[in-house]
Amino acid sequence: MLGKIKAVPETKSFFIGLTLILVTPLLYLISDIFPVLNWIMIFLVACILFISGLFVLNAADQRHSRLGKRR
């Protein structure tokens, strides 16, 4: 899975991660409409935020390594 995340270009990786971070709170609104157990919702949100963090960190790592080669 990390290999597939690392293969994503820097800007796309950042925007995917940022979009997931910003859209995740909408799951709480959906959980109000459809009754879902709180523990399941907490687990889903934690997994989504972890994966989005990986995308953002991947973008930061690619940018850092790209800028480090110029110096």
PDB file of N, CA and C in Angstrom:
ATOM      1  N   MET A   1       0.819  -1.183   0.000  1.00  0.00           N
ATOM      2  CA  MET A   1       0.000   0.000   0.000  1.00  0.00           C
ATOM      3  C   MET A   1       0.866   1.252   0.000  1.00  0.00           C
ATOM      4  N   LEU A   2       1.969   1.229   0.750  1.00  0.00           N
ATOM      5  CA  LEU A   2       2.835   2.398   0.776  1.00  0.00           C
ATOM      6  C   LEU A   2       3.491   2.636  -0.572  1.00  0.00           C
ATOM      7  N   GLY A   3       3.762   1.572  -1.296  1.00  0.00           N
ATOM      8  CA  GLY A   3       4.341   1.722  -2.629  1.00  0.00           C
ATOM      9  C   GLY A   3       3.388   2.434  -3.576  1.00  0.00           C
ATOM     10  N   LYS A   4       2.108   2.116  -3.459  1.00  0.00           N
ATOM     11  CA  LYS A   4       1.109   2.779  -4.311  1.00  0.00           C
ATOM     12  C   LYS A   4       0.937   4.240  -3.920  1.00  0.00           C
ATOM     13  N   ILE A   5       1.016   4.539  -2.628  1.00  0.00           N
ATOM     14  CA  ILE A   5       0.901   5.925  -2.187  1.00  0.00           C
ATOM     15  C   ILE A   5       2.119   6.721  -2.638  1.00  0.00           C
ATOM     16  N   LYS A   6       3.297   6.117  -2.580  1.00  0.00           N
ATOM     17  CA  LYS A   6       4.512   6.813  -3.004  1.00  0.00           C
ATOM     18  C   LYS A   6       4.550   7.047  -4.508  1.00  0.00           C
ATOM     19  N   ALA A   7       3.802   6.260  -5.269  1.00  0.00           N
ATOM     20  CA  ALA A   7       3.793   6.421  -6.721  1.00  0.00           C
ATOM     21  C   ALA A   7       2.926   7.604  -7.165  1.00  0.00           C
ATOM     22  N   VAL A   8       2.095   8.122  -6.274  1.00  0.00           N
ATOM     23  CA  VAL A   8       1.225   9.249  -6.619  1.00  0.00           C
ATOM     24  C   VAL A   8       2.078  10.523  -6.663  1.00  0.00           C
ATOM     25  N   PRO A   9       1.892  11.373  -7.672  1.00  0.00           N
ATOM     26  CA  PRO A   9       2.659  12.625  -7.745  1.00  0.00           C
ATOM     27  C   PRO A   9       2.399  13.527  -6.534  1.00  0.00           C
ATOM     28  N   GLU A  10       3.320  14.456  -6.330  1.00  0.00           N
ATOM     29  CA  GLU A  10       3.310  15.306  -5.137  1.00  0.00           C
ATOM     30  C   GLU A  10       2.023  16.114  -4.986  1.00  0.00           C
ATOM     31  N   THR A  11       1.620  16.814  -6.027  1.00  0.00           N
ATOM     32  CA  THR A  11       0.446  17.686  -5.890  1.00  0.00           C
ATOM     33  C   THR A  11      -0.836  16.884  -5.725  1.00  0.00           C
ATOM     34  N   LYS A  12      -0.959  15.787  -6.460  1.00  0.00           N
ATOM     35  CA  LYS A  12      -2.160  14.953  -6.316  1.00  0.00           C
ATOM     36  C   LYS A  12      -2.220  14.327  -4.938  1.00  0.00           C
ATOM     37  N   SER A  13      -1.081  13.908  -4.427  1.00  0.00           N
ATOM     38  CA  SER A  13      -1.036  13.308  -3.105  1.00  0.00           C
ATOM     39  C   SER A  13      -1.470  14.313  -2.039  1.00  0.00           C
ATOM     40  N   PHE A  14      -0.991  15.539  -2.167  1.00  0.00           N
ATOM     41  CA  PHE A  14      -1.366  16.567  -1.193  1.00  0.00           C
ATOM     42  C   PHE A  14      -2.860  16.873  -1.255  1.00  0.00           C
ATOM     43  N   PHE A  15      -3.401  17.010  -2.464  1.00  0.00           N
ATOM     44  CA  PHE A  15      -4.815  17.341  -2.588  1.00  0.00           C
ATOM     45  C   PHE A  15      -5.715  16.186  -2.165  1.00  0.00           C
ATOM     46  N   ILE A  16      -5.300  14.953  -2.406  1.00  0.00           N
ATOM     47  CA  ILE A  16      -6.081  13.804  -1.926  1.00  0.00           C
ATOM     48  C   ILE A  16      -6.118  13.800  -0.403  1.00  0.00           C
ATOM     49  N   GLY A  17      -4.958  13.985   0.215  1.00  0.00           N
ATOM     50  CA  GLY A  17      -4.898  14.015   1.675  1.00  0.00           C
ATOM     51  C   GLY A  17      -5.691  15.153   2.264  1.00  0.00           C
ATOM     52  N   LEU A  18      -5.563  16.345   1.687  1.00  0.00           N
ATOM     53  CA  LEU A  18      -6.292  17.507   2.190  1.00  0.00           C
ATOM     54  C   LEU A  18      -7.798  17.332   2.015  1.00  0.00           C
ATOM     55  N   THR A  19      -8.212  16.773   0.888  1.00  0.00           N
ATOM     56  CA  THR A  19      -9.634  16.543   0.649  1.00  0.00           C
ATOM     57  C   THR A  19     -10.198  15.535   1.652  1.00  0.00           C
ATOM     58  N   LEU A  20      -9.458  14.474   1.913  1.00  0.00           N
ATOM     59  CA  LEU A  20      -9.927  13.495   2.899  1.00  0.00           C
ATOM     60  C   LEU A  20     -10.033  14.108   4.286  1.00  0.00           C
ATOM     61  N   ILE A  21      -9.083  14.966   4.643  1.00  0.00           N
ATOM     62  CA  ILE A  21      -9.124  15.599   5.962  1.00  0.00           C
ATOM     63  C   ILE A  21     -10.331  16.524   6.068  1.00  0.00           C
ATOM     64  N   LEU A  22     -10.631  17.259   5.000  1.00  0.00           N
ATOM     65  CA  LEU A  22     -11.739  18.204   5.050  1.00  0.00           C
ATOM     66  C   LEU A  22     -13.105  17.542   4.918  1.00  0.00           C
ATOM     67  N   VAL A  23     -13.176  16.378   4.258  1.00  0.00           N
ATOM     68  CA  VAL A  23     -14.459  15.715   4.026  1.00  0.00           C
ATOM     69  C   VAL A  23     -14.821  14.764   5.171  1.00  0.00           C
ATOM     70  N   THR A  24     -13.867  14.327   5.937  1.00  0.00           N
ATOM     71  CA  THR A  24     -14.122  13.357   7.000  1.00  0.00           C
ATOM     72  C   THR A  24     -15.170  13.822   8.013  1.00  0.00           C
ATOM     73  N   PRO A  25     -15.201  15.094   8.418  1.00  0.00           N
ATOM     74  CA  PRO A  25     -16.262  15.493   9.365  1.00  0.00           C
ATOM     75  C   PRO A  25     -17.675  15.323   8.817  1.00  0.00           C
ATOM     76  N   LEU A  26     -17.823  15.235   7.509  1.00  0.00           N
ATOM     77  CA  LEU A  26     -19.160  14.997   6.956  1.00  0.00           C
ATOM     78  C   LEU A  26     -19.692  13.613   7.322  1.00  0.00           C
ATOM     79  N   LEU A  27     -18.790  12.691   7.683  1.00  0.00           N
ATOM     80  CA  LEU A  27     -19.248  11.373   8.127  1.00  0.00           C
ATOM     81  C   LEU A  27     -20.090  11.476   9.393  1.00  0.00           C
ATOM     82  N   TYR A  28     -19.771  12.453  10.235  1.00  0.00           N
ATOM     83  CA  TYR A  28     -20.568  12.619  11.442  1.00  0.00           C
ATOM     84  C   TYR A  28     -21.987  13.078  11.106  1.00  0.00           C
ATOM     85  N   LEU A  29     -22.112  13.899  10.079  1.00  0.00           N
ATOM     86  CA  LEU A  29     -23.454  14.306   9.660  1.00  0.00           C
ATOM     87  C   LEU A  29     -24.222  13.135   9.067  1.00  0.00           C
ATOM     88  N   ILE A  30     -23.524  12.307   8.313  1.00  0.00           N
ATOM     89  CA  ILE A  30     -24.169  11.128   7.743  1.00  0.00           C
ATOM     90  C   ILE A  30     -24.578  10.153   8.840  1.00  0.00           C
ATOM     91  N   SER A  31     -23.758  10.067   9.892  1.00  0.00           N
ATOM     92  CA  SER A  31     -24.097   9.148  10.978  1.00  0.00           C
ATOM     93  C   SER A  31     -25.334   9.619  11.744  1.00  0.00           C
ATOM     94  N   ASP A  32     -25.641  10.923  11.689  1.00  0.00           N
ATOM     95  CA  ASP A  32     -26.876  11.390  12.307  1.00  0.00           C
ATOM     96  C   ASP A  32     -28.095  10.958  11.503  1.00  0.00           C
ATOM     97  N   ILE A  33     -27.941  10.909  10.183  1.00  0.00           N
ATOM     98  CA  ILE A  33     -29.051  10.502   9.324  1.00  0.00           C
ATOM     99  C   ILE A  33     -29.271   8.995   9.398  1.00  0.00           C
ATOM    100  N   PHE A  34     -28.175   8.233   9.258  1.00  0.00           N
ATOM    101  CA  PHE A  34     -28.236   6.775   9.333  1.00  0.00           C
ATOM    102  C   PHE A  34     -27.620   6.332  10.648  1.00  0.00           C
ATOM    103  N   PRO A  35     -28.374   5.655  11.483  1.00  0.00           N
ATOM    104  CA  PRO A  35     -27.825   5.256  12.783  1.00  0.00           C
ATOM    105  C   PRO A  35     -26.702   4.219  12.631  1.00  0.00           C
ATOM    106  N   VAL A  36     -25.531   4.618  13.073  1.00  0.00           N
ATOM    107  CA  VAL A  36     -24.350   3.752  13.053  1.00  0.00           C
ATOM    108  C   VAL A  36     -23.774   3.786  14.457  1.00  0.00           C
ATOM    109  N   LEU A  37     -23.214   2.681  14.897  1.00  0.00           N
ATOM    110  CA  LEU A  37     -22.625   2.638  16.222  1.00  0.00           C
ATOM    111  C   LEU A  37     -21.463   3.621  16.324  1.00  0.00           C
ATOM    112  N   ASN A  38     -21.329   4.232  17.475  1.00  0.00           N
ATOM    113  CA  ASN A  38     -20.287   5.247  17.663  1.00  0.00           C
ATOM    114  C   ASN A  38     -18.885   4.672  17.483  1.00  0.00           C
ATOM    115  N   TRP A  39     -18.655   3.448  17.957  1.00  0.00           N
ATOM    116  CA  TRP A  39     -17.317   2.862  17.853  1.00  0.00           C
ATOM    117  C   TRP A  39     -16.946   2.581  16.408  1.00  0.00           C
ATOM    118  N   ILE A  40     -17.923   2.196  15.613  1.00  0.00           N
ATOM    119  CA  ILE A  40     -17.655   1.964  14.192  1.00  0.00           C
ATOM    120  C   ILE A  40     -17.304   3.280  13.508  1.00  0.00           C
ATOM    121  N   MET A  41     -18.021   4.338  13.847  1.00  0.00           N
ATOM    122  CA  MET A  41     -17.748   5.641  13.249  1.00  0.00           C
ATOM    123  C   MET A  41     -16.376   6.161  13.673  1.00  0.00           C
ATOM    124  N   ILE A  42     -16.032   6.002  14.926  1.00  0.00           N
ATOM    125  CA  ILE A  42     -14.712   6.431  15.403  1.00  0.00           C
ATOM    126  C   ILE A  42     -13.614   5.658  14.685  1.00  0.00           C
ATOM    127  N   PHE A  43     -13.807   4.366  14.499  1.00  0.00           N
ATOM    128  CA  PHE A  43     -12.807   3.553  13.807  1.00  0.00           C
ATOM    129  C   PHE A  43     -12.664   3.974  12.343  1.00  0.00           C
ATOM    130  N   LEU A  44     -13.791   4.209  11.666  1.00  0.00           N
ATOM    131  CA  LEU A  44     -13.734   4.644  10.271  1.00  0.00           C
ATOM    132  C   LEU A  44     -13.036   5.987  10.126  1.00  0.00           C
ATOM    133  N   VAL A  45     -13.369   6.932  10.987  1.00  0.00           N
ATOM    134  CA  VAL A  45     -12.749   8.255  10.919  1.00  0.00           C
ATOM    135  C   VAL A  45     -11.260   8.158  11.202  1.00  0.00           C
ATOM    136  N   ALA A  46     -10.872   7.347  12.170  1.00  0.00           N
ATOM    137  CA  ALA A  46      -9.453   7.188  12.486  1.00  0.00           C
ATOM    138  C   ALA A  46      -8.692   6.589  11.303  1.00  0.00           C
ATOM    139  N   CYS A  47      -9.265   5.599  10.638  1.00  0.00           N
ATOM    140  CA  CYS A  47      -8.612   4.991   9.476  1.00  0.00           C
ATOM    141  C   CYS A  47      -8.482   5.990   8.322  1.00  0.00           C
ATOM    142  N   ILE A  48      -9.538   6.742   8.073  1.00  0.00           N
ATOM    143  CA  ILE A  48      -9.498   7.724   6.981  1.00  0.00           C
ATOM    144  C   ILE A  48      -8.484   8.817   7.281  1.00  0.00           C
ATOM    145  N   LEU A  49      -8.446   9.305   8.524  1.00  0.00           N
ATOM    146  CA  LEU A  49      -7.482  10.340   8.872  1.00  0.00           C
ATOM    147  C   LEU A  49      -6.051   9.819   8.815  1.00  0.00           C
ATOM    148  N   PHE A  50      -5.838   8.554   9.173  1.00  0.00           N
ATOM    149  CA  PHE A  50      -4.502   7.964   9.083  1.00  0.00           C
ATOM    150  C   PHE A  50      -4.043   7.891   7.627  1.00  0.00           C
ATOM    151  N   ILE A  51      -4.908   7.434   6.751  1.00  0.00           N
ATOM    152  CA  ILE A  51      -4.564   7.323   5.332  1.00  0.00           C
ATOM    153  C   ILE A  51      -4.350   8.710   4.726  1.00  0.00           C
ATOM    154  N   SER A  52      -5.183   9.678   5.102  1.00  0.00           N
ATOM    155  CA  SER A  52      -4.993  11.029   4.572  1.00  0.00           C
ATOM    156  C   SER A  52      -3.695  11.631   5.088  1.00  0.00           C
ATOM    157  N   GLY A  53      -3.333  11.315   6.311  1.00  0.00           N
ATOM    158  CA  GLY A  53      -2.040  11.765   6.838  1.00  0.00           C
ATOM    159  C   GLY A  53      -0.882  11.174   6.061  1.00  0.00           C
ATOM    160  N   LEU A  54      -1.020   9.910   5.647  1.00  0.00           N
ATOM    161  CA  LEU A  54       0.023   9.294   4.825  1.00  0.00           C
ATOM    162  C   LEU A  54       0.177  10.017   3.492  1.00  0.00           C
ATOM    163  N   PHE A  55      -0.945  10.411   2.884  1.00  0.00           N
ATOM    164  CA  PHE A  55      -0.877  11.139   1.618  1.00  0.00           C
ATOM    165  C   PHE A  55      -0.179  12.489   1.794  1.00  0.00           C
ATOM    166  N   VAL A  56      -0.526  13.206   2.851  1.00  0.00           N
ATOM    167  CA  VAL A  56       0.085  14.524   3.082  1.00  0.00           C
ATOM    168  C   VAL A  56       1.568  14.369   3.396  1.00  0.00           C
ATOM    169  N   LEU A  57       1.929  13.395   4.215  1.00  0.00           N
ATOM    170  CA  LEU A  57       3.339  13.175   4.528  1.00  0.00           C
ATOM    171  C   LEU A  57       4.122  12.730   3.303  1.00  0.00           C
ATOM    172  N   ASN A  58       3.500  11.958   2.432  1.00  0.00           N
ATOM    173  CA  ASN A  58       4.152  11.556   1.188  1.00  0.00           C
ATOM    174  C   ASN A  58       4.433  12.776   0.320  1.00  0.00           C
ATOM    175  N   ALA A  59       3.468  13.681   0.228  1.00  0.00           N
ATOM    176  CA  ALA A  59       3.668  14.899  -0.567  1.00  0.00           C
ATOM    177  C   ALA A  59       4.780  15.751   0.035  1.00  0.00           C
ATOM    178  N   ALA A  60       4.805  15.861   1.352  1.00  0.00           N
ATOM    179  CA  ALA A  60       5.853  16.645   2.002  1.00  0.00           C
ATOM    180  C   ALA A  60       7.221  16.004   1.784  1.00  0.00           C
ATOM    181  N   ASP A  61       7.291  14.692   1.845  1.00  0.00           N
ATOM    182  CA  ASP A  61       8.563  13.996   1.627  1.00  0.00           C
ATOM    183  C   ASP A  61       9.052  14.169   0.191  1.00  0.00           C
ATOM    184  N   GLN A  62       8.149  14.049  -0.759  1.00  0.00           N
ATOM    185  CA  GLN A  62       8.542  14.235  -2.157  1.00  0.00           C
ATOM    186  C   GLN A  62       9.006  15.666  -2.404  1.00  0.00           C
ATOM    187  N   ARG A  63       8.329  16.636  -1.821  1.00  0.00           N
ATOM    188  CA  ARG A  63       8.724  18.036  -2.003  1.00  0.00           C
ATOM    189  C   ARG A  63      10.078  18.288  -1.347  1.00  0.00           C
ATOM    190  N   HIS A  64      10.271  17.747  -0.163  1.00  0.00           N
ATOM    191  CA  HIS A  64      11.531  17.943   0.546  1.00  0.00           C
ATOM    192  C   HIS A  64      12.694  17.320  -0.221  1.00  0.00           C
ATOM    193  N   SER A  65      12.488  16.125  -0.756  1.00  0.00           N
ATOM    194  CA  SER A  65      13.566  15.475  -1.499  1.00  0.00           C
ATOM    195  C   SER A  65      13.822  16.184  -2.823  1.00  0.00           C
ATOM    196  N   ARG A  66      12.791  16.741  -3.439  1.00  0.00           N
ATOM    197  CA  ARG A  66      12.956  17.467  -4.690  1.00  0.00           C
ATOM    198  C   ARG A  66      13.717  18.775  -4.456  1.00  0.00           C
ATOM    199  N   LEU A  67      13.373  19.497  -3.402  1.00  0.00           N
ATOM    200  CA  LEU A  67      14.056  20.753  -3.115  1.00  0.00           C
ATOM    201  C   LEU A  67      15.466  20.517  -2.601  1.00  0.00           C
ATOM    202  N   GLY A  68      15.688  19.391  -1.938  1.00  0.00           N
ATOM    203  CA  GLY A  68      17.026  19.077  -1.445  1.00  0.00           C
ATOM    204  C   GLY A  68      18.011  18.782  -2.560  1.00  0.00           C
ATOM    205  N   LYS A  69      17.531  18.307  -3.711  1.00  0.00           N
ATOM    206  CA  LYS A  69      18.421  18.003  -4.837  1.00  0.00           C
ATOM    207  C   LYS A  69      18.912  19.255  -5.528  1.00  0.00           C
ATOM    208  N   ARG A  70      18.205  20.373  -5.404  1.00  0.00           N
ATOM    209  CA  ARG A  70      18.618  21.609  -6.049  1.00  0.00           C
ATOM    210  C   ARG A  70      19.811  22.236  -5.373  1.00  0.00           C
ATOM    211  N   ARG A  71      19.946  22.038  -4.093  1.00  0.00           N
ATOM    212  CA  ARG A  71      21.011  22.696  -3.330  1.00  0.00           C
ATOM    213  C   ARG A  71      22.344  22.124  -3.561  1.00  0.00           C
TER     214      ARG A  71
END
